[in-house]
């Protein structure tokens, strides 16, 4: 396991985007839509912190807004997240990531140019 944060380089861009897609661009804690949020307002939350040997696997990472992420600090996620959010997180984290779509979006290769041009 990598022990350095190294900025955003601790996670591949396509994996980060795939988690945001899986979570519907919504804070899994408070439910806030992050679709129109600035880049600095969207984060990933390690449910089990790295300091407690939590890893970077998708089942340990969820989308969270900056406010919730800053407020949570080192509290156990099940103690911090509201009841409905716990159910939402448990459902989301078991879903597979669509890395193929995330890679295509990053490479600007998603969509069908012919059918999009007709609309």
N, C-alpha and C. Protein backbone atom coordinates (compact mmCIF):
# COMPACT_ATOMS: atom_id res chain seq x y z
N UNK A 1 0.85 -1.18 0.00
CA UNK A 1 0.00 0.00 0.00
C UNK A 1 0.89 1.23 0.00
N UNK A 2 0.52 2.22 -0.82
CA UNK A 2 1.28 3.46 -0.89
C UNK A 2 1.04 4.27 0.38
N UNK A 3 2.09 4.80 0.97
CA UNK A 3 1.93 5.54 2.21
C UNK A 3 1.98 7.05 2.01
N UNK A 4 2.25 7.51 0.79
CA UNK A 4 2.29 8.93 0.51
C UNK A 4 1.01 9.35 -0.19
N UNK A 5 0.49 10.51 0.17
CA UNK A 5 -0.72 11.02 -0.47
C UNK A 5 -0.41 11.47 -1.89
N UNK A 6 0.68 12.22 -2.06
CA UNK A 6 1.14 12.60 -3.38
C UNK A 6 0.05 13.33 -4.18
N UNK A 7 -0.68 14.23 -3.52
CA UNK A 7 -1.75 14.97 -4.20
C UNK A 7 -2.83 14.03 -4.70
N UNK A 8 -3.36 14.32 -5.86
CA UNK A 8 -4.42 13.49 -6.44
C UNK A 8 -3.86 12.27 -7.15
N UNK A 9 -2.56 12.09 -7.14
CA UNK A 9 -1.94 10.99 -7.87
C UNK A 9 -2.09 9.64 -7.17
N UNK A 10 -2.74 9.60 -6.04
CA UNK A 10 -2.93 8.34 -5.33
C UNK A 10 -3.99 7.48 -6.01
N UNK A 11 -4.73 8.08 -6.96
CA UNK A 11 -5.79 7.34 -7.66
C UNK A 11 -5.77 7.75 -9.13
N UNK A 12 -5.98 6.77 -10.00
CA UNK A 12 -6.01 7.05 -11.43
C UNK A 12 -7.25 7.91 -11.77
N UNK A 13 -7.12 8.85 -12.70
CA UNK A 13 -8.25 9.71 -13.05
C UNK A 13 -9.50 8.94 -13.48
N UNK A 14 -9.31 7.85 -14.25
CA UNK A 14 -10.49 7.09 -14.69
C UNK A 14 -11.19 6.38 -13.54
N UNK A 15 -10.44 5.97 -12.52
CA UNK A 15 -11.07 5.34 -11.36
C UNK A 15 -11.84 6.39 -10.55
N UNK A 16 -11.25 7.57 -10.39
CA UNK A 16 -11.92 8.66 -9.67
C UNK A 16 -13.24 8.99 -10.37
N UNK A 17 -13.19 9.19 -11.70
CA UNK A 17 -14.40 9.52 -12.45
C UNK A 17 -15.41 8.39 -12.38
N UNK A 18 -14.96 7.16 -12.47
CA UNK A 18 -15.88 6.02 -12.40
C UNK A 18 -16.60 5.97 -11.05
N UNK A 19 -15.94 6.34 -9.98
CA UNK A 19 -16.59 6.38 -8.66
C UNK A 19 -17.61 7.51 -8.63
N UNK A 20 -17.26 8.68 -9.16
CA UNK A 20 -18.22 9.79 -9.23
C UNK A 20 -19.45 9.37 -10.04
N UNK A 21 -19.24 8.67 -11.17
CA UNK A 21 -20.35 8.20 -11.99
C UNK A 21 -21.19 7.19 -11.21
N UNK A 22 -20.52 6.20 -10.59
CA UNK A 22 -21.24 5.18 -9.81
C UNK A 22 -22.14 5.83 -8.75
N UNK A 23 -21.63 6.90 -8.13
CA UNK A 23 -22.35 7.56 -7.04
C UNK A 23 -23.29 8.66 -7.52
N UNK A 24 -23.43 8.78 -8.84
CA UNK A 24 -24.38 9.74 -9.40
C UNK A 24 -23.99 11.20 -9.16
N UNK A 25 -22.71 11.48 -9.00
CA UNK A 25 -22.23 12.84 -8.73
C UNK A 25 -23.00 13.46 -7.57
N UNK A 26 -23.17 12.67 -6.52
CA UNK A 26 -23.93 13.09 -5.34
C UNK A 26 -23.12 12.76 -4.10
N UNK A 27 -23.13 13.66 -3.12
CA UNK A 27 -22.45 13.39 -1.86
C UNK A 27 -23.18 12.23 -1.19
N UNK A 28 -22.45 11.17 -0.91
CA UNK A 28 -23.07 9.99 -0.30
C UNK A 28 -23.44 10.24 1.16
N UNK A 29 -22.91 11.30 1.75
CA UNK A 29 -23.20 11.59 3.15
C UNK A 29 -24.46 12.46 3.30
N UNK A 30 -24.44 13.66 2.70
CA UNK A 30 -25.57 14.58 2.88
C UNK A 30 -26.58 14.54 1.74
N UNK A 31 -26.21 13.91 0.62
CA UNK A 31 -27.11 13.81 -0.51
C UNK A 31 -27.06 14.97 -1.48
N UNK A 32 -26.19 15.95 -1.24
CA UNK A 32 -26.08 17.12 -2.11
C UNK A 32 -25.66 16.72 -3.52
N UNK A 33 -26.33 17.30 -4.52
CA UNK A 33 -25.93 17.08 -5.90
C UNK A 33 -24.63 17.84 -6.16
N UNK A 34 -23.67 17.16 -6.76
CA UNK A 34 -22.37 17.77 -7.06
C UNK A 34 -22.19 17.98 -8.56
N UNK A 35 -23.28 17.86 -9.31
CA UNK A 35 -23.21 17.98 -10.77
C UNK A 35 -22.77 19.37 -11.20
N UNK A 36 -23.11 20.39 -10.45
CA UNK A 36 -22.73 21.76 -10.80
C UNK A 36 -21.72 22.34 -9.82
N UNK A 37 -21.11 21.49 -9.02
CA UNK A 37 -20.13 21.94 -8.03
C UNK A 37 -18.79 22.24 -8.71
N UNK A 38 -18.02 23.08 -8.06
CA UNK A 38 -16.67 23.35 -8.55
C UNK A 38 -15.77 22.17 -8.25
N UNK A 39 -14.67 22.05 -8.97
CA UNK A 39 -13.76 20.92 -8.77
C UNK A 39 -13.29 20.75 -7.32
N UNK A 40 -13.11 21.85 -6.61
CA UNK A 40 -12.64 21.78 -5.23
C UNK A 40 -13.71 21.37 -4.23
N UNK A 41 -14.95 21.27 -4.68
CA UNK A 41 -16.05 20.89 -3.79
C UNK A 41 -16.35 19.40 -3.81
N UNK A 42 -15.72 18.67 -4.72
CA UNK A 42 -15.97 17.24 -4.88
C UNK A 42 -14.75 16.47 -4.41
N UNK A 43 -14.97 15.43 -3.61
CA UNK A 43 -13.85 14.64 -3.09
C UNK A 43 -14.25 13.18 -3.02
N UNK A 44 -13.28 12.37 -2.69
CA UNK A 44 -13.52 10.96 -2.40
C UNK A 44 -13.27 10.74 -0.91
N UNK A 45 -14.11 9.95 -0.30
CA UNK A 45 -13.97 9.64 1.12
C UNK A 45 -13.53 8.19 1.27
N UNK A 46 -12.46 7.99 2.00
CA UNK A 46 -12.06 6.63 2.39
C UNK A 46 -12.94 6.25 3.58
N UNK A 47 -13.82 5.29 3.40
CA UNK A 47 -14.69 4.88 4.50
C UNK A 47 -13.86 4.38 5.67
N UNK A 48 -12.93 3.49 5.40
CA UNK A 48 -11.93 3.10 6.39
C UNK A 48 -10.69 3.92 6.04
N UNK A 49 -10.30 4.86 6.90
CA UNK A 49 -9.18 5.75 6.57
C UNK A 49 -7.90 4.99 6.28
N UNK A 50 -7.07 5.62 5.47
CA UNK A 50 -5.77 5.03 5.17
C UNK A 50 -4.96 4.85 6.44
N UNK A 51 -5.14 5.76 7.40
CA UNK A 51 -4.41 5.66 8.67
C UNK A 51 -4.81 4.43 9.46
N UNK A 52 -5.98 3.86 9.14
CA UNK A 52 -6.45 2.63 9.79
C UNK A 52 -6.34 1.45 8.84
N UNK A 53 -5.41 1.56 7.88
CA UNK A 53 -5.15 0.52 6.90
C UNK A 53 -6.26 0.34 5.86
N UNK A 54 -7.06 1.38 5.66
CA UNK A 54 -8.05 1.34 4.58
C UNK A 54 -7.35 1.52 3.25
N UNK A 55 -7.81 0.83 2.27
CA UNK A 55 -7.17 0.88 0.96
C UNK A 55 -7.89 1.79 -0.02
N UNK A 56 -7.41 1.78 -1.25
CA UNK A 56 -7.98 2.60 -2.31
C UNK A 56 -8.90 1.81 -3.23
N UNK A 57 -9.39 0.67 -2.77
CA UNK A 57 -10.32 -0.11 -3.58
C UNK A 57 -11.66 0.62 -3.63
N UNK A 58 -12.38 0.40 -4.72
CA UNK A 58 -13.65 1.09 -4.94
C UNK A 58 -14.66 0.86 -3.83
N UNK A 59 -14.63 -0.26 -3.18
CA UNK A 59 -15.57 -0.54 -2.10
C UNK A 59 -15.27 0.28 -0.85
N UNK A 60 -14.10 0.92 -0.80
CA UNK A 60 -13.73 1.76 0.34
C UNK A 60 -13.78 3.24 0.00
N UNK A 61 -14.16 3.58 -1.22
CA UNK A 61 -14.18 4.97 -1.67
C UNK A 61 -15.57 5.37 -2.12
N UNK A 62 -16.01 6.54 -1.67
CA UNK A 62 -17.30 7.08 -2.09
C UNK A 62 -17.15 8.58 -2.35
N UNK A 63 -18.06 9.11 -3.16
CA UNK A 63 -18.10 10.53 -3.46
C UNK A 63 -18.63 11.28 -2.24
N UNK A 64 -17.99 12.41 -1.96
CA UNK A 64 -18.39 13.21 -0.80
C UNK A 64 -18.13 14.68 -1.11
N UNK A 65 -18.94 15.56 -0.55
CA UNK A 65 -18.69 16.99 -0.74
C UNK A 65 -17.60 17.43 0.25
N UNK A 66 -16.98 18.53 -0.09
CA UNK A 66 -15.87 19.03 0.73
C UNK A 66 -16.31 19.31 2.16
N UNK A 67 -17.50 19.86 2.33
CA UNK A 67 -18.00 20.19 3.66
C UNK A 67 -18.12 18.94 4.53
N UNK A 68 -18.75 17.91 4.01
CA UNK A 68 -18.89 16.66 4.78
C UNK A 68 -17.53 16.02 5.04
N UNK A 69 -16.66 16.03 4.04
CA UNK A 69 -15.34 15.42 4.18
C UNK A 69 -14.54 16.13 5.27
N UNK A 70 -14.59 17.45 5.29
CA UNK A 70 -13.85 18.21 6.30
C UNK A 70 -14.45 18.03 7.69
N UNK A 71 -15.76 17.92 7.77
CA UNK A 71 -16.44 17.79 9.05
C UNK A 71 -16.22 16.40 9.65
N UNK A 72 -16.20 15.39 8.81
CA UNK A 72 -16.05 14.02 9.30
C UNK A 72 -14.72 13.80 10.01
N UNK A 73 -13.66 14.30 9.44
CA UNK A 73 -12.30 14.12 9.95
C UNK A 73 -12.01 12.63 10.15
N UNK A 74 -11.72 12.19 11.38
CA UNK A 74 -11.36 10.79 11.61
C UNK A 74 -12.46 10.00 12.31
N UNK A 75 -13.68 10.53 12.31
CA UNK A 75 -14.79 9.80 12.92
C UNK A 75 -15.12 8.57 12.08
N UNK A 76 -15.51 7.46 12.70
CA UNK A 76 -15.94 6.30 11.90
C UNK A 76 -17.12 6.69 11.01
N UNK A 77 -17.08 6.27 9.77
CA UNK A 77 -18.11 6.71 8.83
C UNK A 77 -19.50 6.30 9.25
N UNK A 78 -19.66 5.14 9.86
CA UNK A 78 -21.00 4.70 10.26
C UNK A 78 -21.53 5.52 11.43
N UNK A 79 -20.66 6.18 12.16
CA UNK A 79 -21.09 7.09 13.23
C UNK A 79 -21.39 8.48 12.71
N UNK A 80 -20.76 8.85 11.60
CA UNK A 80 -20.90 10.20 11.05
C UNK A 80 -22.03 10.30 10.02
N UNK A 81 -22.12 9.32 9.12
CA UNK A 81 -23.14 9.37 8.07
C UNK A 81 -24.52 9.14 8.68
N UNK A 82 -25.54 9.90 8.23
CA UNK A 82 -26.90 9.66 8.71
C UNK A 82 -27.41 8.28 8.28
N UNK A 83 -28.43 7.78 8.94
CA UNK A 83 -28.96 6.44 8.69
C UNK A 83 -29.24 6.11 7.25
N UNK A 84 -29.98 6.96 6.54
CA UNK A 84 -30.28 6.71 5.13
C UNK A 84 -29.04 6.69 4.27
N UNK A 85 -28.05 7.48 4.65
CA UNK A 85 -26.80 7.53 3.89
C UNK A 85 -26.02 6.23 4.03
N UNK A 86 -26.11 5.61 5.18
CA UNK A 86 -25.40 4.33 5.40
C UNK A 86 -25.94 3.28 4.43
N UNK A 87 -27.26 3.23 4.30
CA UNK A 87 -27.87 2.29 3.36
C UNK A 87 -27.45 2.62 1.93
N UNK A 88 -27.44 3.92 1.58
CA UNK A 88 -27.05 4.35 0.23
C UNK A 88 -25.60 3.94 -0.06
N UNK A 89 -24.71 4.17 0.90
CA UNK A 89 -23.30 3.82 0.72
C UNK A 89 -23.15 2.32 0.55
N UNK A 90 -23.80 1.54 1.37
CA UNK A 90 -23.67 0.08 1.27
C UNK A 90 -24.18 -0.44 -0.06
N UNK A 91 -25.22 0.18 -0.61
CA UNK A 91 -25.72 -0.20 -1.93
C UNK A 91 -24.73 0.19 -3.02
N UNK A 92 -24.26 1.43 -2.98
CA UNK A 92 -23.36 1.93 -4.02
C UNK A 92 -22.03 1.21 -4.05
N UNK A 93 -21.45 0.99 -2.91
CA UNK A 93 -20.10 0.43 -2.89
C UNK A 93 -20.05 -1.01 -3.39
N UNK A 94 -21.19 -1.67 -3.46
CA UNK A 94 -21.21 -3.04 -3.99
C UNK A 94 -21.39 -3.06 -5.51
N UNK A 95 -21.66 -1.90 -6.12
CA UNK A 95 -21.86 -1.84 -7.56
C UNK A 95 -20.51 -1.76 -8.28
N UNK A 96 -20.42 -2.38 -9.44
CA UNK A 96 -19.16 -2.32 -10.19
C UNK A 96 -18.94 -0.93 -10.77
N UNK A 97 -17.67 -0.59 -10.98
CA UNK A 97 -17.32 0.67 -11.62
C UNK A 97 -17.35 0.50 -13.14
N UNK A 98 -17.75 1.54 -13.84
CA UNK A 98 -17.73 1.53 -15.29
C UNK A 98 -16.46 2.26 -15.74
N UNK A 99 -15.33 1.58 -15.61
CA UNK A 99 -14.05 2.17 -15.99
C UNK A 99 -13.96 2.44 -17.49
N UNK A 100 -14.62 1.61 -18.27
CA UNK A 100 -14.60 1.79 -19.73
C UNK A 100 -15.23 3.13 -20.12
N UNK A 101 -16.36 3.46 -19.51
CA UNK A 101 -17.02 4.74 -19.79
C UNK A 101 -16.16 5.90 -19.30
N UNK A 102 -15.61 5.77 -18.11
CA UNK A 102 -14.78 6.83 -17.56
C UNK A 102 -13.57 7.10 -18.45
N UNK A 103 -12.92 6.05 -18.92
CA UNK A 103 -11.77 6.21 -19.82
C UNK A 103 -12.19 6.90 -21.11
N UNK A 104 -13.34 6.50 -21.66
CA UNK A 104 -13.82 7.09 -22.90
C UNK A 104 -14.16 8.57 -22.72
N UNK A 105 -14.75 8.92 -21.60
CA UNK A 105 -15.06 10.33 -21.34
C UNK A 105 -13.79 11.16 -21.23
N UNK A 106 -12.82 10.65 -20.51
CA UNK A 106 -11.55 11.36 -20.36
C UNK A 106 -10.85 11.54 -21.70
N UNK A 107 -10.92 10.53 -22.54
CA UNK A 107 -10.28 10.57 -23.86
C UNK A 107 -11.14 11.29 -24.90
N UNK A 108 -12.30 11.80 -24.49
CA UNK A 108 -13.25 12.44 -25.39
C UNK A 108 -13.65 11.51 -26.52
N UNK A 109 -13.90 10.24 -26.16
CA UNK A 109 -14.30 9.25 -27.14
C UNK A 109 -15.65 8.62 -26.81
N UNK A 110 -16.41 9.25 -25.93
CA UNK A 110 -17.72 8.72 -25.58
C UNK A 110 -18.78 9.31 -26.50
N UNK A 111 -19.81 8.56 -26.74
CA UNK A 111 -20.90 9.02 -27.57
C UNK A 111 -20.76 8.59 -29.01
N UNK A 112 -21.81 8.78 -29.74
CA UNK A 112 -21.85 8.44 -31.16
C UNK A 112 -21.98 9.74 -31.94
N UNK A 113 -20.89 10.22 -32.54
CA UNK A 113 -20.91 11.51 -33.24
C UNK A 113 -22.00 11.62 -34.31
N UNK A 114 -22.25 10.52 -35.03
CA UNK A 114 -23.26 10.58 -36.09
C UNK A 114 -24.65 10.83 -35.55
N UNK A 115 -25.06 10.07 -34.55
CA UNK A 115 -26.42 10.25 -34.02
C UNK A 115 -26.53 11.55 -33.23
N UNK A 116 -25.46 11.98 -32.60
CA UNK A 116 -25.51 13.25 -31.86
C UNK A 116 -25.62 14.43 -32.81
N UNK A 117 -24.99 14.35 -33.98
CA UNK A 117 -25.02 15.44 -34.95
C UNK A 117 -26.40 15.60 -35.57
N UNK A 118 -27.22 14.55 -35.55
CA UNK A 118 -28.55 14.58 -36.17
C UNK A 118 -29.57 15.25 -35.25
N UNK A 119 -29.26 15.43 -34.02
CA UNK A 119 -30.27 15.96 -33.07
C UNK A 119 -30.17 17.43 -32.91
